[in-house]
């Protein structure tokens, strides 16, 4: 699963630590999400979407060729 968290965070001038604090998670969790090593829980994905005023689908999207929906 790909995501745009890094781009959205950078666009707001936020550090991973600052976004983590806003989401109630660690900097390491934000890093793991951004690098694709961790898929956030649904509540965290929704919180990120609300924070960035976007839909979950706009932030998280399947890799090309992944037919799971």
PDB file of N, CA and C in Angstrom:
ATOM      1  N   UNK A   1       0.851  -1.168   0.000  1.00  0.00           N
ATOM      2  CA  UNK A   1       0.000   0.000   0.000  1.00  0.00           C
ATOM      3  C   UNK A   1       0.901   1.237   0.000  1.00  0.00           C
ATOM      4  N   UNK A   2       0.637   2.122  -0.915  1.00  0.00           N
ATOM      5  CA  UNK A   2       1.369   3.383  -0.991  1.00  0.00           C
ATOM      6  C   UNK A   2       0.599   4.459  -0.233  1.00  0.00           C
ATOM      7  N   UNK A   3       1.301   5.517   0.157  1.00  0.00           N
ATOM      8  CA  UNK A   3       0.612   6.620   0.820  1.00  0.00           C
ATOM      9  C   UNK A   3       1.339   7.927   0.551  1.00  0.00           C
ATOM     10  N   UNK A   4       0.639   9.012   0.807  1.00  0.00           N
ATOM     11  CA  UNK A   4       1.161  10.361   0.584  1.00  0.00           C
ATOM     12  C   UNK A   4       1.411  11.112   1.887  1.00  0.00           C
ATOM     13  N   UNK A   5       1.593  10.387   2.974  1.00  0.00           N
ATOM     14  CA  UNK A   5       1.756  11.035   4.274  1.00  0.00           C
ATOM     15  C   UNK A   5       2.994  11.931   4.286  1.00  0.00           C
ATOM     16  N   UNK A   6       4.109  11.454   3.767  1.00  0.00           N
ATOM     17  CA  UNK A   6       5.338  12.252   3.770  1.00  0.00           C
ATOM     18  C   UNK A   6       5.138  13.571   3.020  1.00  0.00           C
ATOM     19  N   UNK A   7       4.510  13.500   1.854  1.00  0.00           N
ATOM     20  CA  UNK A   7       4.285  14.704   1.058  1.00  0.00           C
ATOM     21  C   UNK A   7       3.340  15.677   1.769  1.00  0.00           C
ATOM     22  N   UNK A   8       2.277  15.135   2.341  1.00  0.00           N
ATOM     23  CA  UNK A   8       1.321  15.984   3.052  1.00  0.00           C
ATOM     24  C   UNK A   8       1.963  16.624   4.281  1.00  0.00           C
ATOM     25  N   UNK A   9       2.731  15.841   5.019  1.00  0.00           N
ATOM     26  CA  UNK A   9       3.416  16.356   6.207  1.00  0.00           C
ATOM     27  C   UNK A   9       4.405  17.438   5.810  1.00  0.00           C
ATOM     28  N   UNK A  10       5.200  17.184   4.781  1.00  0.00           N
ATOM     29  CA  UNK A  10       6.185  18.153   4.319  1.00  0.00           C
ATOM     30  C   UNK A  10       5.543  19.429   3.821  1.00  0.00           C
ATOM     31  N   UNK A  11       4.396  19.290   3.171  1.00  0.00           N
ATOM     32  CA  UNK A  11       3.678  20.463   2.677  1.00  0.00           C
ATOM     33  C   UNK A  11       3.216  21.390   3.776  1.00  0.00           C
ATOM     34  N   UNK A  12       3.067  20.843   4.955  1.00  0.00           N
ATOM     35  CA  UNK A  12       2.677  21.663   6.108  1.00  0.00           C
ATOM     36  C   UNK A  12       3.858  22.049   6.978  1.00  0.00           C
ATOM     37  N   UNK A  13       5.063  21.631   6.562  1.00  0.00           N
ATOM     38  CA  UNK A  13       6.257  21.972   7.324  1.00  0.00           C
ATOM     39  C   UNK A  13       6.341  21.278   8.668  1.00  0.00           C
ATOM     40  N   UNK A  14       5.759  20.093   8.764  1.00  0.00           N
ATOM     41  CA  UNK A  14       5.743  19.357  10.031  1.00  0.00           C
ATOM     42  C   UNK A  14       6.865  18.336  10.083  1.00  0.00           C
ATOM     43  N   UNK A  15       7.425  18.143  11.237  1.00  0.00           N
ATOM     44  CA  UNK A  15       8.363  17.043  11.450  1.00  0.00           C
ATOM     45  C   UNK A  15       7.556  15.779  11.710  1.00  0.00           C
ATOM     46  N   UNK A  16       8.213  14.646  11.605  1.00  0.00           N
ATOM     47  CA  UNK A  16       7.547  13.395  11.959  1.00  0.00           C
ATOM     48  C   UNK A  16       7.112  13.421  13.418  1.00  0.00           C
ATOM     49  N   UNK A  17       7.946  13.989  14.274  1.00  0.00           N
ATOM     50  CA  UNK A  17       7.613  14.062  15.698  1.00  0.00           C
ATOM     51  C   UNK A  17       6.373  14.916  15.927  1.00  0.00           C
ATOM     52  N   UNK A  18       6.264  16.031  15.216  1.00  0.00           N
ATOM     53  CA  UNK A  18       5.107  16.917  15.391  1.00  0.00           C
ATOM     54  C   UNK A  18       3.822  16.233  14.921  1.00  0.00           C
ATOM     55  N   UNK A  19       3.888  15.550  13.784  1.00  0.00           N
ATOM     56  CA  UNK A  19       2.698  14.843  13.307  1.00  0.00           C
ATOM     57  C   UNK A  19       2.358  13.697  14.249  1.00  0.00           C
ATOM     58  N   UNK A  20       3.366  12.987  14.716  1.00  0.00           N
ATOM     59  CA  UNK A  20       3.125  11.913  15.669  1.00  0.00           C
ATOM     60  C   UNK A  20       2.434  12.413  16.926  1.00  0.00           C
ATOM     61  N   UNK A  21       2.909  13.540  17.419  1.00  0.00           N
ATOM     62  CA  UNK A  21       2.285  14.122  18.623  1.00  0.00           C
ATOM     63  C   UNK A  21       0.829  14.487  18.358  1.00  0.00           C
ATOM     64  N   UNK A  22       0.563  15.068  17.200  1.00  0.00           N
ATOM     65  CA  UNK A  22      -0.810  15.448  16.857  1.00  0.00           C
ATOM     66  C   UNK A  22      -1.719  14.225  16.728  1.00  0.00           C
ATOM     67  N   UNK A  23      -1.135  13.096  16.316  1.00  0.00           N
ATOM     68  CA  UNK A  23      -1.912  11.867  16.124  1.00  0.00           C
ATOM     69  C   UNK A  23      -1.909  10.969  17.356  1.00  0.00           C
ATOM     70  N   UNK A  24      -1.093  11.304  18.360  1.00  0.00           N
ATOM     71  CA  UNK A  24      -1.013  10.487  19.560  1.00  0.00           C
ATOM     72  C   UNK A  24      -0.192   9.220  19.367  1.00  0.00           C
ATOM     73  N   UNK A  25       0.760   9.278  18.416  1.00  0.00           N
ATOM     74  CA  UNK A  25       1.653   8.147  18.173  1.00  0.00           C
ATOM     75  C   UNK A  25       3.089   8.658  18.168  1.00  0.00           C
ATOM     76  N   UNK A  26       4.029   7.744  18.077  1.00  0.00           N
ATOM     77  CA  UNK A  26       5.439   8.125  18.097  1.00  0.00           C
ATOM     78  C   UNK A  26       5.930   8.579  16.726  1.00  0.00           C
ATOM     79  N   UNK A  27       7.066   9.250  16.737  1.00  0.00           N
ATOM     80  CA  UNK A  27       7.732   9.631  15.492  1.00  0.00           C
ATOM     81  C   UNK A  27       8.043   8.379  14.686  1.00  0.00           C
ATOM     82  N   UNK A  28       8.430   7.317  15.380  1.00  0.00           N
ATOM     83  CA  UNK A  28       8.775   6.074  14.709  1.00  0.00           C
ATOM     84  C   UNK A  28       7.578   5.487  13.963  1.00  0.00           C
ATOM     85  N   UNK A  29       6.391   5.635  14.539  1.00  0.00           N
ATOM     86  CA  UNK A  29       5.186   5.145  13.864  1.00  0.00           C
ATOM     87  C   UNK A  29       4.948   5.921  12.583  1.00  0.00           C
ATOM     88  N   UNK A  30       5.102   7.230  12.635  1.00  0.00           N
ATOM     89  CA  UNK A  30       4.928   8.051  11.425  1.00  0.00           C
ATOM     90  C   UNK A  30       5.967   7.653  10.385  1.00  0.00           C
ATOM     91  N   UNK A  31       7.203   7.457  10.797  1.00  0.00           N
ATOM     92  CA  UNK A  31       8.244   7.024   9.878  1.00  0.00           C
ATOM     93  C   UNK A  31       7.887   5.686   9.235  1.00  0.00           C
ATOM     94  N   UNK A  32       7.411   4.748  10.035  1.00  0.00           N
ATOM     95  CA  UNK A  32       7.056   3.427   9.519  1.00  0.00           C
ATOM     96  C   UNK A  32       5.889   3.505   8.535  1.00  0.00           C
ATOM     97  N   UNK A  33       4.932   4.368   8.790  1.00  0.00           N
ATOM     98  CA  UNK A  33       3.823   4.562   7.850  1.00  0.00           C
ATOM     99  C   UNK A  33       4.356   5.141   6.539  1.00  0.00           C
ATOM    100  N   UNK A  34       5.164   6.180   6.645  1.00  0.00           N
ATOM    101  CA  UNK A  34       5.685   6.851   5.455  1.00  0.00           C
ATOM    102  C   UNK A  34       6.525   5.916   4.575  1.00  0.00           C
ATOM    103  N   UNK A  35       7.261   5.017   5.184  1.00  0.00           N
ATOM    104  CA  UNK A  35       8.124   4.117   4.425  1.00  0.00           C
ATOM    105  C   UNK A  35       7.426   2.823   4.033  1.00  0.00           C
ATOM    106  N   UNK A  36       6.159   2.680   4.394  1.00  0.00           N
ATOM    107  CA  UNK A  36       5.392   1.507   4.011  1.00  0.00           C
ATOM    108  C   UNK A  36       5.678   0.269   4.829  1.00  0.00           C
ATOM    109  N   UNK A  37       6.380   0.417   5.943  1.00  0.00           N
ATOM    110  CA  UNK A  37       6.664  -0.725   6.805  1.00  0.00           C
ATOM    111  C   UNK A  37       5.524  -1.012   7.773  1.00  0.00           C
ATOM    112  N   UNK A  38       4.566  -0.105   7.875  1.00  0.00           N
ATOM    113  CA  UNK A  38       3.460  -0.263   8.828  1.00  0.00           C
ATOM    114  C   UNK A  38       2.203   0.316   8.212  1.00  0.00           C
ATOM    115  N   UNK A  39       1.138  -0.470   8.237  1.00  0.00           N
ATOM    116  CA  UNK A  39      -0.171   0.018   7.817  1.00  0.00           C
ATOM    117  C   UNK A  39      -0.898   0.500   9.068  1.00  0.00           C
ATOM    118  N   UNK A  40      -1.324   1.745   9.078  1.00  0.00           N
ATOM    119  CA  UNK A  40      -1.997   2.248  10.281  1.00  0.00           C
ATOM    120  C   UNK A  40      -3.341   1.563  10.489  1.00  0.00           C
ATOM    121  N   UNK A  41      -3.763   1.571  11.728  1.00  0.00           N
ATOM    122  CA  UNK A  41      -5.105   1.082  12.041  1.00  0.00           C
ATOM    123  C   UNK A  41      -6.117   1.982  11.337  1.00  0.00           C
ATOM    124  N   UNK A  42      -7.323   1.495  11.190  1.00  0.00           N
ATOM    125  CA  UNK A  42      -8.360   2.302  10.562  1.00  0.00           C
ATOM    126  C   UNK A  42      -8.592   3.616  11.312  1.00  0.00           C
ATOM    127  N   UNK A  43      -8.676   3.598  12.657  1.00  0.00           N
ATOM    128  CA  UNK A  43      -8.846   4.875  13.360  1.00  0.00           C
ATOM    129  C   UNK A  43      -7.695   5.855  13.097  1.00  0.00           C
ATOM    130  N   UNK A  44      -6.461   5.360  13.023  1.00  0.00           N
ATOM    131  CA  UNK A  44      -5.334   6.255  12.752  1.00  0.00           C
ATOM    132  C   UNK A  44      -5.378   6.759  11.313  1.00  0.00           C
ATOM    133  N   UNK A  45      -5.730   5.908  10.371  1.00  0.00           N
ATOM    134  CA  UNK A  45      -5.850   6.344   8.971  1.00  0.00           C
ATOM    135  C   UNK A  45      -6.922   7.425   8.845  1.00  0.00           C
ATOM    136  N   UNK A  46      -8.037   7.245   9.527  1.00  0.00           N
ATOM    137  CA  UNK A  46      -9.111   8.249   9.495  1.00  0.00           C
ATOM    138  C   UNK A  46      -8.648   9.540  10.159  1.00  0.00           C
ATOM    139  N   UNK A  47      -7.931   9.436  11.272  1.00  0.00           N
ATOM    140  CA  UNK A  47      -7.416  10.632  11.947  1.00  0.00           C
ATOM    141  C   UNK A  47      -6.455  11.393  11.039  1.00  0.00           C
ATOM    142  N   UNK A  48      -5.583  10.673  10.332  1.00  0.00           N
ATOM    143  CA  UNK A  48      -4.670  11.337   9.386  1.00  0.00           C
ATOM    144  C   UNK A  48      -5.456  12.018   8.276  1.00  0.00           C
ATOM    145  N   UNK A  49      -6.481  11.354   7.764  1.00  0.00           N
ATOM    146  CA  UNK A  49      -7.304  11.947   6.711  1.00  0.00           C
ATOM    147  C   UNK A  49      -7.982  13.228   7.200  1.00  0.00           C
ATOM    148  N   UNK A  50      -8.539  13.182   8.386  1.00  0.00           N
ATOM    149  CA  UNK A  50      -9.177  14.385   8.943  1.00  0.00           C
ATOM    150  C   UNK A  50      -8.149  15.493   9.140  1.00  0.00           C
ATOM    151  N   UNK A  51      -6.984  15.132   9.656  1.00  0.00           N
ATOM    152  CA  UNK A  51      -5.939  16.125   9.922  1.00  0.00           C
ATOM    153  C   UNK A  51      -5.530  16.841   8.644  1.00  0.00           C
ATOM    154  N   UNK A  52      -5.409  16.079   7.553  1.00  0.00           N
ATOM    155  CA  UNK A  52      -4.979  16.666   6.290  1.00  0.00           C
ATOM    156  C   UNK A  52      -6.147  17.086   5.400  1.00  0.00           C
ATOM    157  N   UNK A  53      -7.372  17.016   5.931  1.00  0.00           N
ATOM    158  CA  UNK A  53      -8.577  17.414   5.205  1.00  0.00           C
ATOM    159  C   UNK A  53      -8.655  16.698   3.858  1.00  0.00           C
ATOM    160  N   UNK A  54      -8.502  15.379   3.930  1.00  0.00           N
ATOM    161  CA  UNK A  54      -8.540  14.545   2.730  1.00  0.00           C
ATOM    162  C   UNK A  54      -9.279  13.262   3.066  1.00  0.00           C
ATOM    163  N   UNK A  55      -9.598  12.487   2.048  1.00  0.00           N
ATOM    164  CA  UNK A  55     -10.207  11.185   2.297  1.00  0.00           C
ATOM    165  C   UNK A  55      -9.105  10.157   2.538  1.00  0.00           C
ATOM    166  N   UNK A  56      -9.463   9.078   3.186  1.00  0.00           N
ATOM    167  CA  UNK A  56      -8.504   7.998   3.402  1.00  0.00           C
ATOM    168  C   UNK A  56      -7.993   7.506   2.049  1.00  0.00           C
ATOM    169  N   UNK A  57      -8.903   7.393   1.074  1.00  0.00           N
ATOM    170  CA  UNK A  57      -8.537   6.908  -0.254  1.00  0.00           C
ATOM    171  C   UNK A  57      -7.580   7.851  -0.974  1.00  0.00           C
ATOM    172  N   UNK A  58      -7.618   9.132  -0.643  1.00  0.00           N
ATOM    173  CA  UNK A  58      -6.715  10.093  -1.274  1.00  0.00           C
ATOM    174  C   UNK A  58      -5.303   9.983  -0.700  1.00  0.00           C
ATOM    175  N   UNK A  59      -5.192   9.489   0.517  1.00  0.00           N
ATOM    176  CA  UNK A  59      -3.887   9.382   1.172  1.00  0.00           C
ATOM    177  C   UNK A  59      -3.281   7.997   0.988  1.00  0.00           C
ATOM    178  N   UNK A  60      -4.095   6.963   1.100  1.00  0.00           N
ATOM    179  CA  UNK A  60      -3.624   5.582   1.010  1.00  0.00           C
ATOM    180  C   UNK A  60      -4.180   4.958  -0.254  1.00  0.00           C
ATOM    181  N   UNK A  61      -3.309   4.397  -1.077  1.00  0.00           N
ATOM    182  CA  UNK A  61      -3.750   3.803  -2.336  1.00  0.00           C
ATOM    183  C   UNK A  61      -2.905   2.579  -2.670  1.00  0.00           C
ATOM    184  N   UNK A  62      -3.494   1.634  -3.405  1.00  0.00           N
ATOM    185  CA  UNK A  62      -2.780   0.402  -3.713  1.00  0.00           C
ATOM    186  C   UNK A  62      -1.616   0.638  -4.669  1.00  0.00           C
ATOM    187  N   UNK A  63      -0.663  -0.266  -4.584  1.00  0.00           N
ATOM    188  CA  UNK A  63       0.458  -0.219  -5.509  1.00  0.00           C
ATOM    189  C   UNK A  63      -0.036  -0.620  -6.898  1.00  0.00           C
ATOM    190  N   UNK A  64       0.592  -0.107  -7.959  1.00  0.00           N
ATOM    191  CA  UNK A  64       0.184  -0.515  -9.308  1.00  0.00           C
ATOM    192  C   UNK A  64       0.225  -2.037  -9.440  1.00  0.00           C
ATOM    193  N   UNK A  65      -0.794  -2.577 -10.045  1.00  0.00           N
ATOM    194  CA  UNK A  65      -0.878  -4.026 -10.229  1.00  0.00           C
ATOM    195  C   UNK A  65      -1.528  -4.762  -9.085  1.00  0.00           C
ATOM    196  N   UNK A  66      -1.810  -4.083  -7.971  1.00  0.00           N
ATOM    197  CA  UNK A  66      -2.487  -4.714  -6.842  1.00  0.00           C
ATOM    198  C   UNK A  66      -3.986  -4.644  -7.104  1.00  0.00           C
ATOM    199  N   UNK A  67      -4.581  -5.767  -7.374  1.00  0.00           N
ATOM    200  CA  UNK A  67      -6.009  -5.805  -7.741  1.00  0.00           C
ATOM    201  C   UNK A  67      -6.944  -5.937  -6.556  1.00  0.00           C
ATOM    202  N   UNK A  68      -6.380  -6.019  -5.337  1.00  0.00           N
ATOM    203  CA  UNK A  68      -7.258  -6.121  -4.145  1.00  0.00           C
ATOM    204  C   UNK A  68      -7.954  -4.779  -3.935  1.00  0.00           C
ATOM    205  N   UNK A  69      -9.225  -4.844  -3.613  1.00  0.00           N
ATOM    206  CA  UNK A  69      -9.985  -3.613  -3.361  1.00  0.00           C
ATOM    207  C   UNK A  69     -10.835  -3.789  -2.152  1.00  0.00           C
TER     208      UNK A  69
END
